[in-house]
């Protein structure tokens, strides 16, 4: 059984390298989107300090719909281009927001959130799968190291959804 543990590291790069290794181990051999999203959200929830929400919104072909997450109840549906999540999905660009109150059109699902990072989930064929969203009650909680680390975590998640061809 896999046990998520808080990672003790000297710097953020090492922290995320270790977290990505844990994610690889946790998701290895499983290809179910919901199962892997639930486990990745739980892993991040227990490893990341200073957050109050983390999880997935999946694209249903029209809008983003909440998926597995950790934290308080969330907004269920988000239009593309709306809020931080919708902007990340529409632009397919990670959004690093130091102060959500300064982000035009921010959607306040949890009034305690002060900063946010959202990574779009796009597969190898360029198809939008959804977004990975992490909120914090601290201003400027996330930086470029977090962006790179979260993008690496998302790459592990996307890769896990692709079954490997059987060995010949």
C-alpha atoms as a PDB file:
ATOM      1  CA  UNK A   1       0.000   0.000   0.000  1.00  0.00           C
ATOM      2  CA  UNK A   2       1.292   3.453  -0.903  1.00  0.00           C
ATOM      3  CA  UNK A   3       1.560   5.932   1.954  1.00  0.00           C
ATOM      4  CA  UNK A   4       1.699   9.628   1.111  1.00  0.00           C
ATOM      5  CA  UNK A   5       4.140  11.409   3.369  1.00  0.00           C
ATOM      6  CA  UNK A   6       5.194  15.016   3.632  1.00  0.00           C
ATOM      7  CA  UNK A   7       8.474  15.429   1.811  1.00  0.00           C
ATOM      8  CA  UNK A   8      11.375  17.040   3.596  1.00  0.00           C
ATOM      9  CA  UNK A   9      13.711  18.660   1.076  1.00  0.00           C
ATOM     10  CA  UNK A  10      16.364  21.352   1.050  1.00  0.00           C
ATOM     11  CA  UNK A  11      14.760  23.400  -1.726  1.00  0.00           C
ATOM     12  CA  UNK A  12      11.647  23.445  -3.906  1.00  0.00           C
ATOM     13  CA  UNK A  13      13.323  21.808  -6.891  1.00  0.00           C
ATOM     14  CA  UNK A  14      14.322  18.817  -4.733  1.00  0.00           C
ATOM     15  CA  UNK A  15      10.874  18.804  -3.135  1.00  0.00           C
ATOM     16  CA  UNK A  16       9.111  18.612  -6.483  1.00  0.00           C
ATOM     17  CA  UNK A  17      11.572  16.021  -7.828  1.00  0.00           C
ATOM     18  CA  UNK A  18      10.669  13.814  -4.858  1.00  0.00           C
ATOM     19  CA  UNK A  19       6.947  14.540  -5.209  1.00  0.00           C
ATOM     20  CA  UNK A  20       7.059  13.647  -8.918  1.00  0.00           C
ATOM     21  CA  UNK A  21       8.814  10.366  -8.039  1.00  0.00           C
ATOM     22  CA  UNK A  22       6.067   9.617  -5.512  1.00  0.00           C
ATOM     23  CA  UNK A  23       3.418  10.426  -8.127  1.00  0.00           C
ATOM     24  CA  UNK A  24       5.057   8.052 -10.621  1.00  0.00           C
ATOM     25  CA  UNK A  25       4.986   5.284  -8.024  1.00  0.00           C
ATOM     26  CA  UNK A  26       1.428   6.024  -6.977  1.00  0.00           C
ATOM     27  CA  UNK A  27      -0.009   6.122 -10.500  1.00  0.00           C
ATOM     28  CA  UNK A  28       2.158   3.371 -12.022  1.00  0.00           C
ATOM     29  CA  UNK A  29       0.099   0.744 -13.817  1.00  0.00           C
ATOM     30  CA  UNK A  30      -3.254   2.493 -13.331  1.00  0.00           C
ATOM     31  CA  UNK A  31      -4.881   4.282 -16.265  1.00  0.00           C
ATOM     32  CA  UNK A  32      -8.249   5.316 -14.856  1.00  0.00           C
ATOM     33  CA  UNK A  33      -8.627   9.103 -14.945  1.00  0.00           C
ATOM     34  CA  UNK A  34     -10.784   9.390 -11.812  1.00  0.00           C
ATOM     35  CA  UNK A  35      -8.690   6.997  -9.725  1.00  0.00           C
ATOM     36  CA  UNK A  36      -5.443   8.711 -10.680  1.00  0.00           C
ATOM     37  CA  UNK A  37      -6.878  12.199 -10.175  1.00  0.00           C
ATOM     38  CA  UNK A  38      -8.156  11.246  -6.714  1.00  0.00           C
ATOM     39  CA  UNK A  39      -4.811   9.799  -5.677  1.00  0.00           C
ATOM     40  CA  UNK A  40      -2.780  12.687  -7.079  1.00  0.00           C
ATOM     41  CA  UNK A  41      -5.002  15.229  -5.302  1.00  0.00           C
ATOM     42  CA  UNK A  42      -4.572  13.339  -2.022  1.00  0.00           C
ATOM     43  CA  UNK A  43      -0.796  13.099  -2.522  1.00  0.00           C
ATOM     44  CA  UNK A  44      -0.487  16.833  -3.174  1.00  0.00           C
ATOM     45  CA  UNK A  45      -2.843  17.710  -0.294  1.00  0.00           C
ATOM     46  CA  UNK A  46      -0.633  15.880   2.192  1.00  0.00           C
ATOM     47  CA  UNK A  47       2.692  17.030   0.718  1.00  0.00           C
ATOM     48  CA  UNK A  48       2.135  20.721  -0.025  1.00  0.00           C
ATOM     49  CA  UNK A  49       2.190  23.215   2.810  1.00  0.00           C
ATOM     50  CA  UNK A  50       0.129  26.379   2.917  1.00  0.00           C
ATOM     51  CA  UNK A  51      -2.705  25.265   0.627  1.00  0.00           C
ATOM     52  CA  UNK A  52      -6.447  25.133   1.223  1.00  0.00           C
ATOM     53  CA  UNK A  53      -7.626  23.380  -1.976  1.00  0.00           C
ATOM     54  CA  UNK A  54      -6.155  21.215  -4.704  1.00  0.00           C
ATOM     55  CA  UNK A  55      -7.775  19.216  -7.409  1.00  0.00           C
ATOM     56  CA  UNK A  56      -9.025  18.774 -10.920  1.00  0.00           C
ATOM     57  CA  UNK A  57     -11.563  20.294 -13.228  1.00  0.00           C
ATOM     58  CA  UNK A  58     -12.218  18.163 -16.312  1.00  0.00           C
ATOM     59  CA  UNK A  59     -13.292  19.526 -19.680  1.00  0.00           C
ATOM     60  CA  UNK A  60     -16.559  17.933 -20.840  1.00  0.00           C
ATOM     61  CA  UNK A  61     -16.447  19.443 -24.322  1.00  0.00           C
ATOM     62  CA  UNK A  62     -18.242  22.638 -23.266  1.00  0.00           C
ATOM     63  CA  UNK A  63     -17.006  23.668 -19.814  1.00  0.00           C
ATOM     64  CA  UNK A  64     -14.870  22.608 -16.874  1.00  0.00           C
ATOM     65  CA  UNK A  65     -16.556  20.291 -14.356  1.00  0.00           C
ATOM     66  CA  UNK A  66     -15.140  19.657 -10.900  1.00  0.00           C
ATOM     67  CA  UNK A  67     -13.324  16.356 -10.484  1.00  0.00           C
ATOM     68  CA  UNK A  68     -11.505  14.735  -7.584  1.00  0.00           C
ATOM     69  CA  UNK A  69     -10.139  17.256  -5.084  1.00  0.00           C
ATOM     70  CA  UNK A  70      -9.138  17.890  -1.485  1.00  0.00           C
ATOM     71  CA  UNK A  71     -10.488  20.843   0.490  1.00  0.00           C
ATOM     72  CA  UNK A  72     -13.818  22.588   0.966  1.00  0.00           C
ATOM     73  CA  UNK A  73     -16.675  22.053  -1.494  1.00  0.00           C
ATOM     74  CA  UNK A  74     -15.930  23.693  -4.830  1.00  0.00           C
ATOM     75  CA  UNK A  75     -17.620  25.433  -7.723  1.00  0.00           C
ATOM     76  CA  UNK A  76     -19.058  22.680  -9.908  1.00  0.00           C
ATOM     77  CA  UNK A  77     -18.880  24.220 -13.386  1.00  0.00           C
ATOM     78  CA  UNK A  78     -16.585  26.881 -14.830  1.00  0.00           C
ATOM     79  CA  UNK A  79     -16.899  28.337 -18.327  1.00  0.00           C
ATOM     80  CA  UNK A  80     -13.812  28.458 -20.532  1.00  0.00           C
ATOM     81  CA  UNK A  81     -12.197  31.873 -20.247  1.00  0.00           C
ATOM     82  CA  UNK A  82     -13.826  32.574 -16.858  1.00  0.00           C
ATOM     83  CA  UNK A  83     -11.759  32.877 -13.671  1.00  0.00           C
ATOM     84  CA  UNK A  84      -8.258  31.517 -13.241  1.00  0.00           C
ATOM     85  CA  UNK A  85      -9.232  27.942 -14.174  1.00  0.00           C
ATOM     86  CA  UNK A  86     -11.218  28.965 -17.242  1.00  0.00           C
ATOM     87  CA  UNK A  87      -8.398  31.259 -18.363  1.00  0.00           C
ATOM     88  CA  UNK A  88      -5.817  28.470 -18.042  1.00  0.00           C
ATOM     89  CA  UNK A  89      -8.069  26.138 -20.020  1.00  0.00           C
ATOM     90  CA  UNK A  90      -8.865  28.668 -22.752  1.00  0.00           C
ATOM     91  CA  UNK A  91      -5.272  29.845 -23.207  1.00  0.00           C
ATOM     92  CA  UNK A  92      -3.686  26.466 -22.425  1.00  0.00           C
ATOM     93  CA  UNK A  93      -1.183  28.412 -20.350  1.00  0.00           C
ATOM     94  CA  UNK A  94      -0.397  27.918 -16.671  1.00  0.00           C
ATOM     95  CA  UNK A  95      -1.716  30.727 -14.505  1.00  0.00           C
ATOM     96  CA  UNK A  96       0.315  31.854 -11.496  1.00  0.00           C
ATOM     97  CA  UNK A  97      -1.736  34.362  -9.505  1.00  0.00           C
ATOM     98  CA  UNK A  98      -0.074  36.014  -6.508  1.00  0.00           C
ATOM     99  CA  UNK A  99      -3.265  37.832  -5.427  1.00  0.00           C
ATOM    100  CA  UNK A 100      -6.569  36.422  -6.632  1.00  0.00           C
ATOM    101  CA  UNK A 101      -8.331  39.679  -5.732  1.00  0.00           C
ATOM    102  CA  UNK A 102      -6.251  41.409  -8.408  1.00  0.00           C
ATOM    103  CA  UNK A 103      -7.242  38.851 -11.080  1.00  0.00           C
ATOM    104  CA  UNK A 104     -10.117  40.251 -13.138  1.00  0.00           C
ATOM    105  CA  UNK A 105     -13.038  37.823 -13.039  1.00  0.00           C
ATOM    106  CA  UNK A 106     -11.659  35.609 -10.271  1.00  0.00           C
ATOM    107  CA  UNK A 107     -14.244  33.079  -9.078  1.00  0.00           C
ATOM    108  CA  UNK A 108     -14.192  32.881  -5.285  1.00  0.00           C
ATOM    109  CA  UNK A 109     -15.258  29.324  -4.468  1.00  0.00           C
ATOM    110  CA  UNK A 110     -13.511  29.670  -1.087  1.00  0.00           C
ATOM    111  CA  UNK A 111     -13.260  33.222   0.235  1.00  0.00           C
ATOM    112  CA  UNK A 112     -10.137  32.247   2.194  1.00  0.00           C
ATOM    113  CA  UNK A 113      -8.100  31.707  -0.992  1.00  0.00           C
ATOM    114  CA  UNK A 114      -5.594  34.487  -1.636  1.00  0.00           C
ATOM    115  CA  UNK A 115      -3.310  33.000  -4.303  1.00  0.00           C
ATOM    116  CA  UNK A 116      -3.701  30.308  -6.928  1.00  0.00           C
ATOM    117  CA  UNK A 117      -1.874  28.262  -9.524  1.00  0.00           C
ATOM    118  CA  UNK A 118      -3.645  26.473 -12.371  1.00  0.00           C
ATOM    119  CA  UNK A 119      -2.030  24.172 -14.926  1.00  0.00           C
ATOM    120  CA  UNK A 120      -3.907  23.180 -18.094  1.00  0.00           C
ATOM    121  CA  UNK A 121      -4.020  19.447 -18.825  1.00  0.00           C
ATOM    122  CA  UNK A 122      -3.367  18.891 -22.527  1.00  0.00           C
ATOM    123  CA  UNK A 123      -2.560  15.456 -23.953  1.00  0.00           C
ATOM    124  CA  UNK A 124       0.026  14.625 -26.617  1.00  0.00           C
ATOM    125  CA  UNK A 125      -2.573  15.104 -29.364  1.00  0.00           C
ATOM    126  CA  UNK A 126      -3.294  18.638 -28.129  1.00  0.00           C
ATOM    127  CA  UNK A 127      -6.680  17.767 -26.617  1.00  0.00           C
ATOM    128  CA  UNK A 128      -7.723  19.763 -23.549  1.00  0.00           C
ATOM    129  CA  UNK A 129      -8.474  17.322 -20.712  1.00  0.00           C
ATOM    130  CA  UNK A 130      -9.029  19.932 -17.985  1.00  0.00           C
ATOM    131  CA  UNK A 131      -6.966  21.780 -15.400  1.00  0.00           C
ATOM    132  CA  UNK A 132      -5.111  21.143 -12.144  1.00  0.00           C
ATOM    133  CA  UNK A 133      -5.913  23.852  -9.594  1.00  0.00           C
ATOM    134  CA  UNK A 134      -4.217  24.653  -6.275  1.00  0.00           C
ATOM    135  CA  UNK A 135      -5.296  27.467  -3.933  1.00  0.00           C
ATOM    136  CA  UNK A 136      -3.642  28.974  -0.875  1.00  0.00           C
ATOM    137  CA  UNK A 137      -4.856  31.259   1.911  1.00  0.00           C
ATOM    138  CA  UNK A 138      -1.465  33.039   1.701  1.00  0.00           C
ATOM    139  CA  UNK A 139      -0.689  35.856  -0.724  1.00  0.00           C
ATOM    140  CA  UNK A 140       2.016  34.995  -3.253  1.00  0.00           C
ATOM    141  CA  UNK A 141       2.248  31.379  -2.011  1.00  0.00           C
ATOM    142  CA  UNK A 142       3.298  30.103  -5.449  1.00  0.00           C
ATOM    143  CA  UNK A 143       6.331  30.964  -7.562  1.00  0.00           C
ATOM    144  CA  UNK A 144       8.107  29.784 -10.705  1.00  0.00           C
ATOM    145  CA  UNK A 145       9.482  26.729  -8.876  1.00  0.00           C
ATOM    146  CA  UNK A 146       5.901  25.775  -8.018  1.00  0.00           C
ATOM    147  CA  UNK A 147       4.850  26.311 -11.630  1.00  0.00           C
ATOM    148  CA  UNK A 148       7.581  23.993 -12.904  1.00  0.00           C
ATOM    149  CA  UNK A 149       6.841  21.442 -10.180  1.00  0.00           C
ATOM    150  CA  UNK A 150       3.079  21.472 -10.757  1.00  0.00           C
ATOM    151  CA  UNK A 151       3.619  21.148 -14.511  1.00  0.00           C
ATOM    152  CA  UNK A 152       5.842  18.113 -13.871  1.00  0.00           C
ATOM    153  CA  UNK A 153       3.148  16.570 -11.651  1.00  0.00           C
ATOM    154  CA  UNK A 154       0.561  17.172 -14.357  1.00  0.00           C
ATOM    155  CA  UNK A 155       2.812  15.510 -16.935  1.00  0.00           C
ATOM    156  CA  UNK A 156       2.907  12.391 -14.721  1.00  0.00           C
ATOM    157  CA  UNK A 157      -0.892  12.451 -14.492  1.00  0.00           C
ATOM    158  CA  UNK A 158      -1.375  12.837 -18.263  1.00  0.00           C
ATOM    159  CA  UNK A 159       1.177  10.109 -18.964  1.00  0.00           C
ATOM    160  CA  UNK A 160      -0.627   7.765 -16.549  1.00  0.00           C
ATOM    161  CA  UNK A 161      -3.791   7.945 -18.647  1.00  0.00           C
ATOM    162  CA  UNK A 162      -2.069   6.365 -21.654  1.00  0.00           C
ATOM    163  CA  UNK A 163      -1.922   2.553 -21.422  1.00  0.00           C
ATOM    164  CA  UNK A 164       1.414   1.167 -22.511  1.00  0.00           C
ATOM    165  CA  UNK A 165       1.397  -1.251 -25.424  1.00  0.00           C
ATOM    166  CA  UNK A 166       1.901  -4.833 -24.308  1.00  0.00           C
ATOM    167  CA  UNK A 167       5.481  -6.020 -24.588  1.00  0.00           C
ATOM    168  CA  UNK A 168       6.112  -8.220 -27.639  1.00  0.00           C
END
